[in-house]
Structure formats: structure tokens, C-alpha cells
């Protein structure tokens, strides 16, 4: 049974609900307050990630931003769903999921981020300081289109990693963008996951027609 979960951040009104129900009869509507957790940041897409953790034991879930466009058949997505494999949009060609510790050391050396840097860079540069990072994986993907296999992770994984990260970089972890880092971490550490082929799946700045089939 397929279902669409719409997590309302408060911006949807009654007219929006009516229109969405007309076009997506299988949609269910939920408020962000149903999925927030006091141990983690709020806002951005944190509640959406917790919603996925809530429903993941029942469904294979695809996280989808509203500013996306499908141009043609998504063969890789169908295969990932069929094989219960996670996925995320890659950032560059031939990108692979790799060692969290190695990537972190590379970012810290190359970028040398400071407290004023974007939260994603600062978080990535500090991964290597976390206990167990040598046994974890990471990919700098786009959370706007990600797949989470049925029964693949739980809420506690998010909470535990988030608290470790906040201990390292402090309030910076509560800035917009940290939820994408967390989403990428979840996908990268699934039993089965991959980065989607780029630029077949990409952002609008890297699209290459007629190869590109999905744009974020």
C-alpha cells in the first residue's frame, strides 16, 4: 500500500489541504510538532527526518522536497525500492559513499573551516573527533531526494549522533543545514545504499539534457 506523508510546518492553510487532497488522495497530513525531539535541533527538516524514523518500519520511504522535477523514467529508484536499498542525490560525477573519518580529515585539511563556516563544512571537519567515526560512512549528498529502506534505522541513531555532534560544534549544530548532514549520515550508514548517478540525478545547475531525468 502506497502512502504520501505531508509534514506541515505551519505554512499550509485549509485551501492548501483541500487542493492537496484533491490531487493526492492517498496523502496523510501531520504537524511538525508530532515529530520534534527535545534532544535534537528543531526546524529545517529535522521533524521530517524523525517522521521517516517513525514510519520506516512500515514503508520504504522516499524523502522528497517540493522543488523537484521528474523529467523521465527513474529506473534506478525503482530498482532501489525493489531491493530495499537506500539512495541519495550525489553532488558530483562518480561519487561514492566512503569513510567518514577519511572524508573529515580531507575537509579539515583542505577547507580549514571556522566557527563562521556553513554548518555542513564545520560538521564534516569535526567528524573525525567523534568516537567510532573510523567505522562509519558518509556522503555529501542532497537530502531533498533520498530513499530509506523499510526497517533500516531508528530514531535513537539520529539522537545519539546529533548529541555527539552538538558536543563538538555547539549551537552551530542548530543552524539550518544540519538536518541535511544528518540525513546523509543516515543514508550512508544503511546496510545497503548508493549515491545516484550524477548528472542523471542532479541540481538545476548541473543538469545535462537529455541525460538528466530528475532535477532538484
N, C-alpha and C. Protein backbone atom coordinates (compact mmCIF):
# COMPACT_ATOMS: atom_id res chain seq x y z
N UNK A 1 0.85 -1.19 0.00
CA UNK A 1 0.00 0.00 0.00
C UNK A 1 0.88 1.24 0.00
N UNK A 2 0.68 2.11 -0.97
CA UNK A 2 1.45 3.34 -1.05
C UNK A 2 0.77 4.46 -0.26
N UNK A 3 1.58 5.38 0.23
CA UNK A 3 1.04 6.50 1.01
C UNK A 3 1.96 7.70 0.86
N UNK A 4 1.39 8.88 0.95
CA UNK A 4 2.17 10.12 0.92
C UNK A 4 2.02 10.79 2.28
N UNK A 5 3.13 11.11 2.90
CA UNK A 5 3.12 11.80 4.19
C UNK A 5 3.52 13.26 3.95
N UNK A 6 2.65 14.17 4.30
CA UNK A 6 2.94 15.60 4.16
C UNK A 6 3.11 16.18 5.56
N UNK A 7 4.32 16.67 5.84
CA UNK A 7 4.62 17.22 7.16
C UNK A 7 4.47 18.74 7.08
N UNK A 8 3.45 19.25 7.72
CA UNK A 8 3.13 20.68 7.65
C UNK A 8 3.91 21.47 8.69
N UNK A 9 4.70 22.43 8.21
CA UNK A 9 5.48 23.27 9.13
C UNK A 9 4.71 24.50 9.58
N UNK A 10 3.40 24.53 9.25
CA UNK A 10 2.56 25.65 9.64
C UNK A 10 2.23 26.58 8.49
N UNK A 11 2.85 26.36 7.35
CA UNK A 11 2.63 27.25 6.20
C UNK A 11 1.42 26.85 5.37
N UNK A 12 0.90 25.64 5.56
CA UNK A 12 -0.27 25.21 4.79
C UNK A 12 -1.56 25.66 5.45
N UNK A 13 -2.50 26.16 4.65
CA UNK A 13 -3.81 26.57 5.18
C UNK A 13 -4.89 25.61 4.68
N UNK A 14 -6.14 25.88 5.02
CA UNK A 14 -7.24 24.97 4.67
C UNK A 14 -7.39 24.81 3.16
N UNK A 15 -7.17 25.89 2.40
CA UNK A 15 -7.26 25.79 0.94
C UNK A 15 -6.17 24.87 0.39
N UNK A 16 -4.98 24.95 1.00
CA UNK A 16 -3.88 24.08 0.57
C UNK A 16 -4.23 22.61 0.82
N UNK A 17 -4.80 22.35 1.99
CA UNK A 17 -5.19 20.97 2.33
C UNK A 17 -6.22 20.44 1.32
N UNK A 18 -7.20 21.28 0.99
CA UNK A 18 -8.24 20.87 0.04
C UNK A 18 -7.65 20.54 -1.32
N UNK A 19 -6.75 21.40 -1.79
CA UNK A 19 -6.13 21.19 -3.10
C UNK A 19 -5.25 19.94 -3.10
N UNK A 20 -4.48 19.76 -2.05
CA UNK A 20 -3.59 18.60 -1.98
C UNK A 20 -4.38 17.29 -1.89
N UNK A 21 -5.46 17.31 -1.14
CA UNK A 21 -6.30 16.10 -1.04
C UNK A 21 -6.93 15.76 -2.39
N UNK A 22 -7.25 16.79 -3.17
CA UNK A 22 -7.84 16.57 -4.48
C UNK A 22 -6.84 15.90 -5.42
N UNK A 23 -5.59 16.37 -5.40
CA UNK A 23 -4.58 15.86 -6.32
C UNK A 23 -3.86 14.61 -5.79
N UNK A 24 -3.80 14.48 -4.45
CA UNK A 24 -3.09 13.34 -3.85
C UNK A 24 -4.03 12.69 -2.82
N UNK A 25 -4.99 11.91 -3.27
CA UNK A 25 -5.99 11.32 -2.35
C UNK A 25 -5.38 10.44 -1.25
N UNK A 26 -4.19 9.87 -1.51
CA UNK A 26 -3.59 8.97 -0.52
C UNK A 26 -2.73 9.72 0.50
N UNK A 27 -2.75 11.04 0.44
CA UNK A 27 -1.90 11.84 1.34
C UNK A 27 -2.45 11.86 2.76
N UNK A 28 -1.53 11.80 3.72
CA UNK A 28 -1.86 11.99 5.12
C UNK A 28 -1.13 13.23 5.61
N UNK A 29 -1.78 14.03 6.45
CA UNK A 29 -1.20 15.30 6.90
C UNK A 29 -0.82 15.22 8.37
N UNK A 30 0.38 15.72 8.64
CA UNK A 30 0.91 15.68 10.00
C UNK A 30 1.56 17.02 10.33
N UNK A 31 1.56 17.36 11.59
CA UNK A 31 2.18 18.61 12.03
C UNK A 31 3.58 18.33 12.54
N UNK A 32 4.48 19.29 12.33
CA UNK A 32 5.87 19.08 12.75
C UNK A 32 5.98 18.81 14.26
N UNK A 33 5.05 19.36 15.04
CA UNK A 33 5.11 19.18 16.50
C UNK A 33 4.97 17.71 16.90
N UNK A 34 4.42 16.89 16.01
CA UNK A 34 4.25 15.46 16.30
C UNK A 34 5.58 14.71 16.27
N UNK A 35 6.60 15.32 15.68
CA UNK A 35 7.84 14.58 15.46
C UNK A 35 9.09 15.27 16.00
N UNK A 36 8.94 16.38 16.69
CA UNK A 36 10.12 17.05 17.24
C UNK A 36 10.63 16.30 18.46
N UNK A 37 11.90 16.49 18.78
CA UNK A 37 12.50 15.85 19.94
C UNK A 37 13.38 16.85 20.67
N UNK A 38 13.23 16.99 21.99
CA UNK A 38 13.98 17.99 22.74
C UNK A 38 15.48 17.77 22.75
N UNK A 39 15.93 16.58 22.39
CA UNK A 39 17.35 16.27 22.42
C UNK A 39 18.06 16.65 21.12
N UNK A 40 17.28 17.13 20.14
CA UNK A 40 17.85 17.45 18.83
C UNK A 40 17.39 18.83 18.36
N UNK A 41 18.04 19.37 17.33
CA UNK A 41 17.60 20.65 16.77
C UNK A 41 16.16 20.55 16.26
N UNK A 42 15.53 21.70 16.09
CA UNK A 42 14.19 21.77 15.53
C UNK A 42 14.22 22.67 14.30
N UNK A 43 13.16 22.55 13.49
CA UNK A 43 13.10 23.36 12.29
C UNK A 43 13.91 22.75 11.17
N UNK A 44 14.03 23.50 10.05
CA UNK A 44 14.68 22.92 8.88
C UNK A 44 13.87 21.71 8.46
N UNK A 45 14.51 20.56 8.41
CA UNK A 45 13.80 19.32 8.08
C UNK A 45 14.02 18.25 9.14
N UNK A 46 14.39 18.66 10.34
CA UNK A 46 14.61 17.69 11.41
C UNK A 46 13.35 16.88 11.70
N UNK A 47 12.20 17.57 11.75
CA UNK A 47 10.95 16.86 12.04
C UNK A 47 10.60 15.88 10.94
N UNK A 48 10.94 16.21 9.72
CA UNK A 48 10.69 15.31 8.60
C UNK A 48 11.52 14.04 8.76
N UNK A 49 12.76 14.20 9.19
CA UNK A 49 13.62 13.05 9.39
C UNK A 49 13.10 12.16 10.51
N UNK A 50 12.60 12.77 11.58
CA UNK A 50 12.01 12.00 12.67
C UNK A 50 10.71 11.32 12.23
N UNK A 51 9.98 11.96 11.33
CA UNK A 51 8.77 11.35 10.80
C UNK A 51 9.13 10.09 10.01
N UNK A 52 10.20 10.17 9.25
CA UNK A 52 10.66 9.00 8.50
C UNK A 52 11.02 7.87 9.46
N UNK A 53 11.74 8.20 10.53
CA UNK A 53 12.10 7.18 11.53
C UNK A 53 10.85 6.57 12.15
N UNK A 54 9.79 7.35 12.28
CA UNK A 54 8.54 6.87 12.88
C UNK A 54 7.83 5.86 11.98
N UNK A 55 7.85 6.11 10.68
CA UNK A 55 7.10 5.26 9.74
C UNK A 55 7.94 4.20 9.03
N UNK A 56 9.26 4.21 9.27
CA UNK A 56 10.16 3.37 8.47
C UNK A 56 9.94 1.88 8.64
N UNK A 57 9.38 1.45 9.75
CA UNK A 57 9.15 0.02 9.93
C UNK A 57 7.98 -0.50 9.10
N UNK A 58 7.19 0.43 8.56
CA UNK A 58 6.02 0.03 7.77
C UNK A 58 6.23 0.22 6.27
N UNK A 59 7.12 1.14 5.89
CA UNK A 59 7.24 1.51 4.49
C UNK A 59 8.70 1.71 4.08
N UNK A 60 8.95 1.54 2.77
CA UNK A 60 10.14 2.12 2.16
C UNK A 60 9.78 3.58 1.92
N UNK A 61 10.57 4.51 2.43
CA UNK A 61 10.20 5.92 2.38
C UNK A 61 11.17 6.73 1.52
N UNK A 62 10.61 7.56 0.67
CA UNK A 62 11.39 8.49 -0.14
C UNK A 62 11.15 9.90 0.39
N UNK A 63 12.22 10.55 0.79
CA UNK A 63 12.16 11.94 1.23
C UNK A 63 12.24 12.82 -0.02
N UNK A 64 11.23 13.67 -0.20
CA UNK A 64 11.13 14.44 -1.44
C UNK A 64 10.82 15.91 -1.14
N UNK A 65 11.71 16.81 -1.56
CA UNK A 65 11.44 18.24 -1.46
C UNK A 65 10.40 18.63 -2.51
N UNK A 66 9.72 19.73 -2.28
CA UNK A 66 8.69 20.18 -3.22
C UNK A 66 9.29 20.83 -4.46
N UNK A 67 10.53 21.31 -4.37
CA UNK A 67 11.15 21.99 -5.51
C UNK A 67 11.98 21.01 -6.34
N UNK A 68 11.33 19.95 -6.79
CA UNK A 68 11.98 18.95 -7.62
C UNK A 68 11.16 18.72 -8.88
N UNK A 69 11.81 18.18 -9.90
CA UNK A 69 11.12 17.95 -11.17
C UNK A 69 11.60 16.63 -11.78
N UNK A 70 10.65 15.75 -12.09
CA UNK A 70 10.96 14.48 -12.74
C UNK A 70 10.75 14.63 -14.24
N UNK A 71 11.78 14.34 -15.02
CA UNK A 71 11.71 14.53 -16.48
C UNK A 71 11.47 13.24 -17.25
N UNK A 72 11.90 12.12 -16.68
CA UNK A 72 11.73 10.84 -17.38
C UNK A 72 11.77 9.71 -16.37
N UNK A 73 11.75 8.47 -16.88
CA UNK A 73 11.68 7.30 -16.01
C UNK A 73 12.84 7.25 -15.02
N UNK A 74 12.54 6.82 -13.79
CA UNK A 74 13.54 6.75 -12.73
C UNK A 74 13.89 5.28 -12.47
N UNK A 75 14.62 4.69 -13.40
CA UNK A 75 14.92 3.26 -13.32
C UNK A 75 15.70 2.89 -12.06
N UNK A 76 16.67 3.72 -11.68
CA UNK A 76 17.48 3.44 -10.50
C UNK A 76 16.63 3.45 -9.23
N UNK A 77 15.66 4.35 -9.18
CA UNK A 77 14.81 4.43 -7.99
C UNK A 77 13.95 3.18 -7.87
N UNK A 78 13.39 2.74 -8.99
CA UNK A 78 12.57 1.52 -8.97
C UNK A 78 13.38 0.32 -8.50
N UNK A 79 14.64 0.24 -8.94
CA UNK A 79 15.50 -0.86 -8.54
C UNK A 79 15.83 -0.78 -7.05
N UNK A 80 16.12 0.42 -6.56
CA UNK A 80 16.43 0.59 -5.14
C UNK A 80 15.25 0.20 -4.26
N UNK A 81 14.05 0.57 -4.69
CA UNK A 81 12.86 0.19 -3.93
C UNK A 81 12.69 -1.32 -3.93
N UNK A 82 12.85 -1.93 -5.10
CA UNK A 82 12.68 -3.38 -5.25
C UNK A 82 13.67 -4.15 -4.38
N UNK A 83 14.88 -3.65 -4.26
CA UNK A 83 15.92 -4.34 -3.50
C UNK A 83 16.08 -3.79 -2.07
N UNK A 84 15.18 -2.90 -1.66
CA UNK A 84 15.21 -2.30 -0.33
C UNK A 84 16.57 -1.67 -0.04
N UNK A 85 17.01 -0.83 -0.98
CA UNK A 85 18.31 -0.17 -0.91
C UNK A 85 18.14 1.34 -0.78
N UNK A 86 18.92 1.97 0.08
CA UNK A 86 18.83 3.42 0.25
C UNK A 86 19.53 4.16 -0.87
N UNK A 87 19.20 5.45 -1.00
CA UNK A 87 19.86 6.27 -2.02
C UNK A 87 19.83 7.74 -1.63
N UNK A 88 20.67 8.51 -2.30
CA UNK A 88 20.69 9.96 -2.13
C UNK A 88 21.24 10.58 -3.41
N UNK A 89 20.82 11.80 -3.73
CA UNK A 89 21.36 12.50 -4.89
C UNK A 89 22.83 12.82 -4.64
N UNK A 90 23.68 12.47 -5.57
CA UNK A 90 25.10 12.79 -5.46
C UNK A 90 25.34 14.27 -5.78
N UNK A 91 26.53 14.75 -5.42
CA UNK A 91 26.89 16.15 -5.65
C UNK A 91 27.79 16.30 -6.87
N UNK A 92 28.51 15.22 -7.22
CA UNK A 92 29.39 15.27 -8.39
C UNK A 92 29.40 13.90 -9.07
N UNK A 93 30.02 13.83 -10.23
CA UNK A 93 30.08 12.59 -11.01
C UNK A 93 30.87 11.51 -10.27
N UNK A 94 30.43 10.27 -10.42
CA UNK A 94 31.13 9.10 -9.88
C UNK A 94 31.38 9.18 -8.38
N UNK A 95 30.49 9.83 -7.67
CA UNK A 95 30.64 9.95 -6.22
C UNK A 95 30.23 8.66 -5.53
N UNK A 96 30.96 8.28 -4.50
CA UNK A 96 30.67 7.06 -3.76
C UNK A 96 30.59 7.35 -2.26
N UNK A 97 29.88 6.49 -1.57
CA UNK A 97 29.84 6.55 -0.11
C UNK A 97 31.20 6.06 0.41
N UNK A 98 31.80 6.83 1.33
CA UNK A 98 33.13 6.48 1.80
C UNK A 98 33.30 6.60 3.29
N UNK A 99 34.53 6.46 3.75
CA UNK A 99 34.86 6.53 5.17
C UNK A 99 34.59 7.93 5.73
N UNK A 100 33.86 7.99 6.82
CA UNK A 100 33.57 9.27 7.46
C UNK A 100 34.85 9.92 7.96
N UNK A 101 35.71 9.15 8.56
CA UNK A 101 36.94 9.70 9.15
C UNK A 101 37.86 10.25 8.06
N UNK A 102 38.04 9.50 6.98
CA UNK A 102 38.92 9.95 5.90
C UNK A 102 38.38 11.22 5.26
N UNK A 103 37.07 11.26 4.99
CA UNK A 103 36.47 12.46 4.39
C UNK A 103 36.63 13.66 5.32
N UNK A 104 36.43 13.42 6.61
CA UNK A 104 36.53 14.51 7.59
C UNK A 104 37.93 15.10 7.61
N UNK A 105 38.94 14.25 7.62
CA UNK A 105 40.32 14.73 7.64
C UNK A 105 40.65 15.50 6.37
N UNK A 106 40.08 15.07 5.26
CA UNK A 106 40.30 15.75 3.98
C UNK A 106 39.67 17.14 3.99
N UNK A 107 38.46 17.25 4.51
CA UNK A 107 37.77 18.54 4.58
C UNK A 107 38.51 19.49 5.51
N UNK A 108 38.90 19.01 6.68
CA UNK A 108 39.60 19.85 7.66
C UNK A 108 40.90 20.40 7.09
N UNK A 109 41.60 19.58 6.32
CA UNK A 109 42.89 19.99 5.75
C UNK A 109 42.71 20.95 4.58
N UNK A 110 41.71 20.69 3.75
CA UNK A 110 41.54 21.47 2.53
C UNK A 110 40.81 22.79 2.76
N UNK A 111 39.79 22.77 3.59
CA UNK A 111 38.93 23.95 3.76
C UNK A 111 39.28 24.75 4.99
N UNK A 112 39.75 24.07 6.05
CA UNK A 112 40.07 24.73 7.31
C UNK A 112 38.91 25.59 7.81
N UNK A 113 37.74 24.99 8.00
CA UNK A 113 36.56 25.76 8.40
C UNK A 113 36.69 26.36 9.79
N UNK A 114 36.00 27.47 10.00
CA UNK A 114 35.97 28.16 11.29
C UNK A 114 34.54 28.15 11.82
N UNK A 115 34.35 28.78 12.98
CA UNK A 115 33.01 28.82 13.59
C UNK A 115 32.03 29.61 12.72
N UNK A 116 32.55 30.39 11.78
CA UNK A 116 31.69 31.17 10.89
C UNK A 116 31.35 30.41 9.60
N UNK A 117 31.93 29.24 9.42
CA UNK A 117 31.67 28.46 8.21
C UNK A 117 30.26 27.88 8.23
N UNK A 118 29.79 27.44 7.07
CA UNK A 118 28.49 26.78 6.99
C UNK A 118 28.52 25.55 7.88
N UNK A 119 27.40 25.25 8.51
CA UNK A 119 27.33 24.14 9.46
C UNK A 119 27.74 22.81 8.82
N UNK A 120 27.48 22.63 7.53
CA UNK A 120 27.84 21.37 6.89
C UNK A 120 29.36 21.19 6.87
N UNK A 121 30.10 22.22 6.48
CA UNK A 121 31.56 22.14 6.44
C UNK A 121 32.14 21.93 7.84
N UNK A 122 31.60 22.67 8.80
CA UNK A 122 32.12 22.58 10.16
C UNK A 122 31.85 21.20 10.74
N UNK A 123 30.67 20.67 10.48
CA UNK A 123 30.33 19.33 10.98
C UNK A 123 31.23 18.29 10.34
N UNK A 124 31.38 18.36 9.02
CA UNK A 124 32.21 17.38 8.31
C UNK A 124 33.65 17.41 8.81
N UNK A 125 34.16 18.59 9.07
CA UNK A 125 35.55 18.72 9.53
C UNK A 125 35.74 18.15 10.93
N UNK A 126 34.66 18.02 11.68
CA UNK A 126 34.75 17.53 13.06
C UNK A 126 34.31 16.07 13.23
N UNK A 127 33.89 15.43 12.15
CA UNK A 127 33.50 14.02 12.25
C UNK A 127 34.61 13.17 12.85
N UNK A 128 35.85 13.44 12.46
CA UNK A 128 36.98 12.59 12.87
C UNK A 128 37.21 12.63 14.38
N UNK A 129 36.64 13.61 15.06
CA UNK A 129 36.80 13.72 16.51
C UNK A 129 35.81 12.83 17.27
N UNK A 130 34.83 12.31 16.56
CA UNK A 130 33.80 11.51 17.20
C UNK A 130 34.25 10.07 17.39
N UNK A 131 33.94 9.50 18.52
CA UNK A 131 34.25 8.09 18.77
C UNK A 131 33.51 7.23 17.75
N UNK A 132 34.25 6.33 17.13
CA UNK A 132 33.63 5.42 16.19
C UNK A 132 33.56 5.91 14.77
N UNK A 133 34.07 7.12 14.49
CA UNK A 133 33.97 7.67 13.14
C UNK A 133 34.73 6.83 12.12
N UNK A 134 35.75 6.11 12.58
CA UNK A 134 36.53 5.27 11.66
C UNK A 134 35.71 4.09 11.14
N UNK A 135 34.63 3.79 11.84
CA UNK A 135 33.77 2.67 11.43
C UNK A 135 32.46 3.14 10.78
N UNK A 136 32.35 4.45 10.56
CA UNK A 136 31.14 4.99 9.95
C UNK A 136 31.43 5.49 8.54
N UNK A 137 30.36 5.74 7.80
CA UNK A 137 30.50 6.18 6.42
C UNK A 137 29.75 7.51 6.21
N UNK A 138 30.06 8.16 5.09
CA UNK A 138 29.43 9.46 4.82
C UNK A 138 29.43 9.73 3.32
N UNK A 139 28.45 10.51 2.89
CA UNK A 139 28.41 11.02 1.53
C UNK A 139 27.82 12.42 1.57
N UNK A 140 28.44 13.34 0.85
CA UNK A 140 27.91 14.71 0.80
C UNK A 140 26.85 14.74 -0.30
N UNK A 141 25.67 14.33 0.05
CA UNK A 141 24.55 14.27 -0.89
C UNK A 141 23.54 15.36 -0.65
N UNK A 142 22.41 15.25 -1.33
CA UNK A 142 21.32 16.21 -1.19
C UNK A 142 20.12 15.50 -0.57
N UNK A 143 19.73 15.96 0.61
CA UNK A 143 18.64 15.31 1.34
C UNK A 143 17.29 15.49 0.67
N UNK A 144 17.22 16.39 -0.31
CA UNK A 144 15.95 16.68 -0.97
C UNK A 144 15.34 15.53 -1.74
N UNK A 145 16.15 14.49 -2.01
CA UNK A 145 15.64 13.29 -2.67
C UNK A 145 16.47 12.12 -2.17
N UNK A 146 15.95 11.44 -1.16
CA UNK A 146 16.69 10.36 -0.52
C UNK A 146 15.75 9.19 -0.24
N UNK A 147 16.29 7.98 -0.32
CA UNK A 147 15.49 6.79 -0.07
C UNK A 147 15.93 6.06 1.18
N UNK A 148 14.94 5.62 1.99
CA UNK A 148 15.22 4.94 3.24
C UNK A 148 14.50 3.58 3.25
N UNK A 149 15.24 2.49 3.21
CA UNK A 149 14.64 1.16 3.16
C UNK A 149 13.77 0.84 4.38
N UNK A 150 12.80 0.03 4.15
CA UNK A 150 11.91 -0.40 5.22
C UNK A 150 12.71 -1.08 6.33
N UNK A 151 12.47 -0.63 7.58
CA UNK A 151 13.12 -1.22 8.74
C UNK A 151 14.61 -0.98 8.84
N UNK A 152 15.11 0.07 8.22
CA UNK A 152 16.56 0.25 8.10
C UNK A 152 17.25 1.01 9.23
N UNK A 153 16.54 1.83 9.97
CA UNK A 153 17.18 2.58 11.06
C UNK A 153 16.12 3.00 12.07
N UNK A 154 16.56 3.57 13.16
CA UNK A 154 15.60 4.03 14.18
C UNK A 154 15.95 5.43 14.67
N UNK A 155 15.04 6.00 15.40
CA UNK A 155 15.16 7.37 15.89
C UNK A 155 16.37 7.54 16.80
N UNK A 156 16.69 6.52 17.57
CA UNK A 156 17.78 6.63 18.53
C UNK A 156 19.12 6.87 17.85
N UNK A 157 19.29 6.31 16.66
CA UNK A 157 20.52 6.54 15.90
C UNK A 157 20.70 8.03 15.63
N UNK A 158 19.62 8.70 15.26
CA UNK A 158 19.66 10.15 14.99
C UNK A 158 20.00 10.92 16.25
N UNK A 159 19.32 10.59 17.34
CA UNK A 159 19.52 11.30 18.60
C UNK A 159 20.95 11.15 19.09
N UNK A 160 21.46 9.92 19.07
CA UNK A 160 22.81 9.68 19.58
C UNK A 160 23.86 10.45 18.78
N UNK A 161 23.77 10.39 17.46
CA UNK A 161 24.77 11.09 16.65
C UNK A 161 24.62 12.60 16.79
N UNK A 162 23.40 13.07 16.82
CA UNK A 162 23.16 14.52 16.95
C UNK A 162 23.76 15.07 18.23
N UNK A 163 23.61 14.35 19.32
CA UNK A 163 24.15 14.82 20.59
C UNK A 163 25.68 14.84 20.57
N UNK A 164 26.29 13.85 19.93
CA UNK A 164 27.74 13.84 19.79
C UNK A 164 28.22 15.04 18.97
N UNK A 165 27.49 15.32 17.90
CA UNK A 165 27.86 16.41 17.01
C UNK A 165 27.72 17.76 17.71
N UNK A 166 26.64 17.91 18.46
CA UNK A 166 26.43 19.18 19.18
C UNK A 166 27.51 19.39 20.24
N UNK A 167 27.97 18.32 20.83
CA UNK A 167 29.04 18.42 21.83
C UNK A 167 30.32 18.96 21.20
N UNK A 168 30.55 18.65 19.92
CA UNK A 168 31.76 19.08 19.23
C UNK A 168 31.67 20.50 18.70
N UNK A 169 30.52 20.86 18.09
CA UNK A 169 30.45 22.19 17.45
C UNK A 169 29.43 23.13 18.11
N UNK A 170 28.81 22.70 19.19
CA UNK A 170 27.94 23.58 19.97
C UNK A 170 26.67 24.02 19.26
N UNK A 171 26.20 25.25 19.55
CA UNK A 171 24.95 25.75 18.99
C UNK A 171 24.93 25.80 17.46
N UNK A 172 26.10 25.76 16.85
CA UNK A 172 26.18 25.78 15.38
C UNK A 172 25.37 24.63 14.80
N UNK A 173 25.30 23.54 15.52
CA UNK A 173 24.58 22.35 15.05
C UNK A 173 23.08 22.62 14.89
N UNK A 174 22.58 23.68 15.50
CA UNK A 174 21.16 24.01 15.42
C UNK A 174 20.84 24.92 14.22
N UNK A 175 21.84 25.26 13.42
CA UNK A 175 21.59 26.10 12.26
C UNK A 175 21.03 25.29 11.10
N UNK A 176 20.34 26.00 10.19
CA UNK A 176 19.77 25.35 9.01
C UNK A 176 20.88 24.69 8.20
N UNK A 177 20.65 23.46 7.81
CA UNK A 177 21.64 22.70 7.06
C UNK A 177 22.12 21.48 7.80
N UNK A 178 22.00 21.51 9.13
CA UNK A 178 22.45 20.35 9.92
C UNK A 178 21.58 19.14 9.65
N UNK A 179 20.31 19.38 9.32
CA UNK A 179 19.42 18.24 9.06
C UNK A 179 19.81 17.50 7.78
N UNK A 180 20.39 18.22 6.81
CA UNK A 180 20.85 17.56 5.60
C UNK A 180 22.08 16.69 5.91
N UNK A 181 22.95 17.20 6.75
CA UNK A 181 24.11 16.42 7.17
C UNK A 181 23.63 15.13 7.84
N UNK A 182 22.65 15.26 8.74
CA UNK A 182 22.15 14.10 9.47
C UNK A 182 21.49 13.10 8.53
N UNK A 183 20.73 13.60 7.58
CA UNK A 183 20.07 12.73 6.61
C UNK A 183 21.10 11.96 5.79
N UNK A 184 22.16 12.64 5.37
CA UNK A 184 23.23 11.98 4.60
C UNK A 184 23.93 10.91 5.42
N UNK A 185 24.10 11.18 6.71
CA UNK A 185 24.73 10.20 7.60
C UNK A 185 23.86 8.95 7.72
N UNK A 186 22.56 9.16 7.88
CA UNK A 186 21.65 8.02 7.98
C UNK A 186 21.75 7.14 6.73
N UNK A 187 21.64 7.77 5.56
CA UNK A 187 21.69 7.01 4.31
C UNK A 187 23.02 6.28 4.15
N UNK A 188 24.12 7.00 4.40
CA UNK A 188 25.45 6.43 4.18
C UNK A 188 25.72 5.22 5.05
N UNK A 189 25.07 5.15 6.21
CA UNK A 189 25.34 4.06 7.14
C UNK A 189 24.28 2.97 7.15
N UNK A 190 23.43 2.98 6.13
CA UNK A 190 22.48 1.89 5.96
C UNK A 190 23.22 0.64 5.50
N UNK A 191 22.61 -0.51 5.70
CA UNK A 191 23.23 -1.76 5.27
C UNK A 191 23.47 -1.76 3.76
N UNK A 192 22.49 -1.21 3.00
CA UNK A 192 22.62 -1.09 1.55
C UNK A 192 22.20 0.32 1.13
N UNK A 193 23.10 1.02 0.43
CA UNK A 193 22.78 2.38 -0.02
C UNK A 193 23.73 2.77 -1.15
N UNK A 194 23.33 3.77 -1.93
CA UNK A 194 24.18 4.26 -3.00
C UNK A 194 23.89 5.72 -3.31
N UNK A 195 24.88 6.36 -3.92
CA UNK A 195 24.69 7.70 -4.44
C UNK A 195 24.15 7.57 -5.86
N UNK A 196 23.09 8.29 -6.19
CA UNK A 196 22.50 8.18 -7.52
C UNK A 196 23.47 8.71 -8.58
N UNK A 197 23.44 8.14 -9.77
CA UNK A 197 24.35 8.59 -10.84
C UNK A 197 24.13 10.06 -11.19
N UNK A 198 25.22 10.80 -11.22
CA UNK A 198 25.22 12.23 -11.49
C UNK A 198 25.88 12.45 -12.86
N UNK A 199 25.32 13.27 -13.75
CA UNK A 199 24.21 14.22 -13.56
C UNK A 199 22.84 13.69 -13.98
N UNK A 200 22.67 12.38 -14.02
CA UNK A 200 21.33 11.86 -14.34
C UNK A 200 20.34 12.32 -13.29
N UNK A 201 20.81 12.37 -12.03
CA UNK A 201 20.05 12.96 -10.93
C UNK A 201 20.92 14.09 -10.40
N UNK A 202 20.43 15.31 -10.40
CA UNK A 202 21.31 16.43 -10.02
C UNK A 202 20.51 17.67 -9.66
N UNK A 203 21.23 18.74 -9.30
CA UNK A 203 20.56 20.02 -9.08
C UNK A 203 20.48 20.76 -10.42
N UNK A 204 19.73 21.86 -10.42
CA UNK A 204 19.45 22.57 -11.68
C UNK A 204 20.69 23.18 -12.31
N UNK A 205 21.73 23.39 -11.52
CA UNK A 205 22.95 23.99 -12.06
C UNK A 205 23.82 22.98 -12.81
N UNK A 206 23.57 21.69 -12.59
CA UNK A 206 24.40 20.66 -13.20
C UNK A 206 23.64 19.78 -14.18
N UNK A 207 22.40 20.13 -14.47
CA UNK A 207 21.60 19.29 -15.37
C UNK A 207 22.24 19.22 -16.75
N UNK A 208 22.11 18.06 -17.36
CA UNK A 208 22.69 17.83 -18.67
C UNK A 208 21.69 17.05 -19.51
N UNK A 209 20.91 17.77 -20.28
CA UNK A 209 19.88 17.13 -21.10
C UNK A 209 20.51 16.52 -22.35
N UNK A 210 20.01 15.36 -22.81
CA UNK A 210 18.84 14.63 -22.32
C UNK A 210 19.17 13.58 -21.27
N UNK A 211 20.38 13.62 -20.70
CA UNK A 211 20.77 12.61 -19.72
C UNK A 211 19.97 12.74 -18.42
N UNK A 212 19.82 13.97 -17.94
CA UNK A 212 19.19 14.20 -16.65
C UNK A 212 17.71 13.78 -16.66
N UNK A 213 17.35 12.99 -15.63
CA UNK A 213 15.95 12.55 -15.52
C UNK A 213 15.27 13.12 -14.29
N UNK A 214 16.05 13.67 -13.35
CA UNK A 214 15.49 14.23 -12.13
C UNK A 214 16.31 15.43 -11.70
N UNK A 215 15.62 16.53 -11.40
CA UNK A 215 16.28 17.78 -11.02
C UNK A 215 15.79 18.24 -9.66
N UNK A 216 16.74 18.67 -8.85
CA UNK A 216 16.38 19.31 -7.58
C UNK A 216 16.86 20.76 -7.63
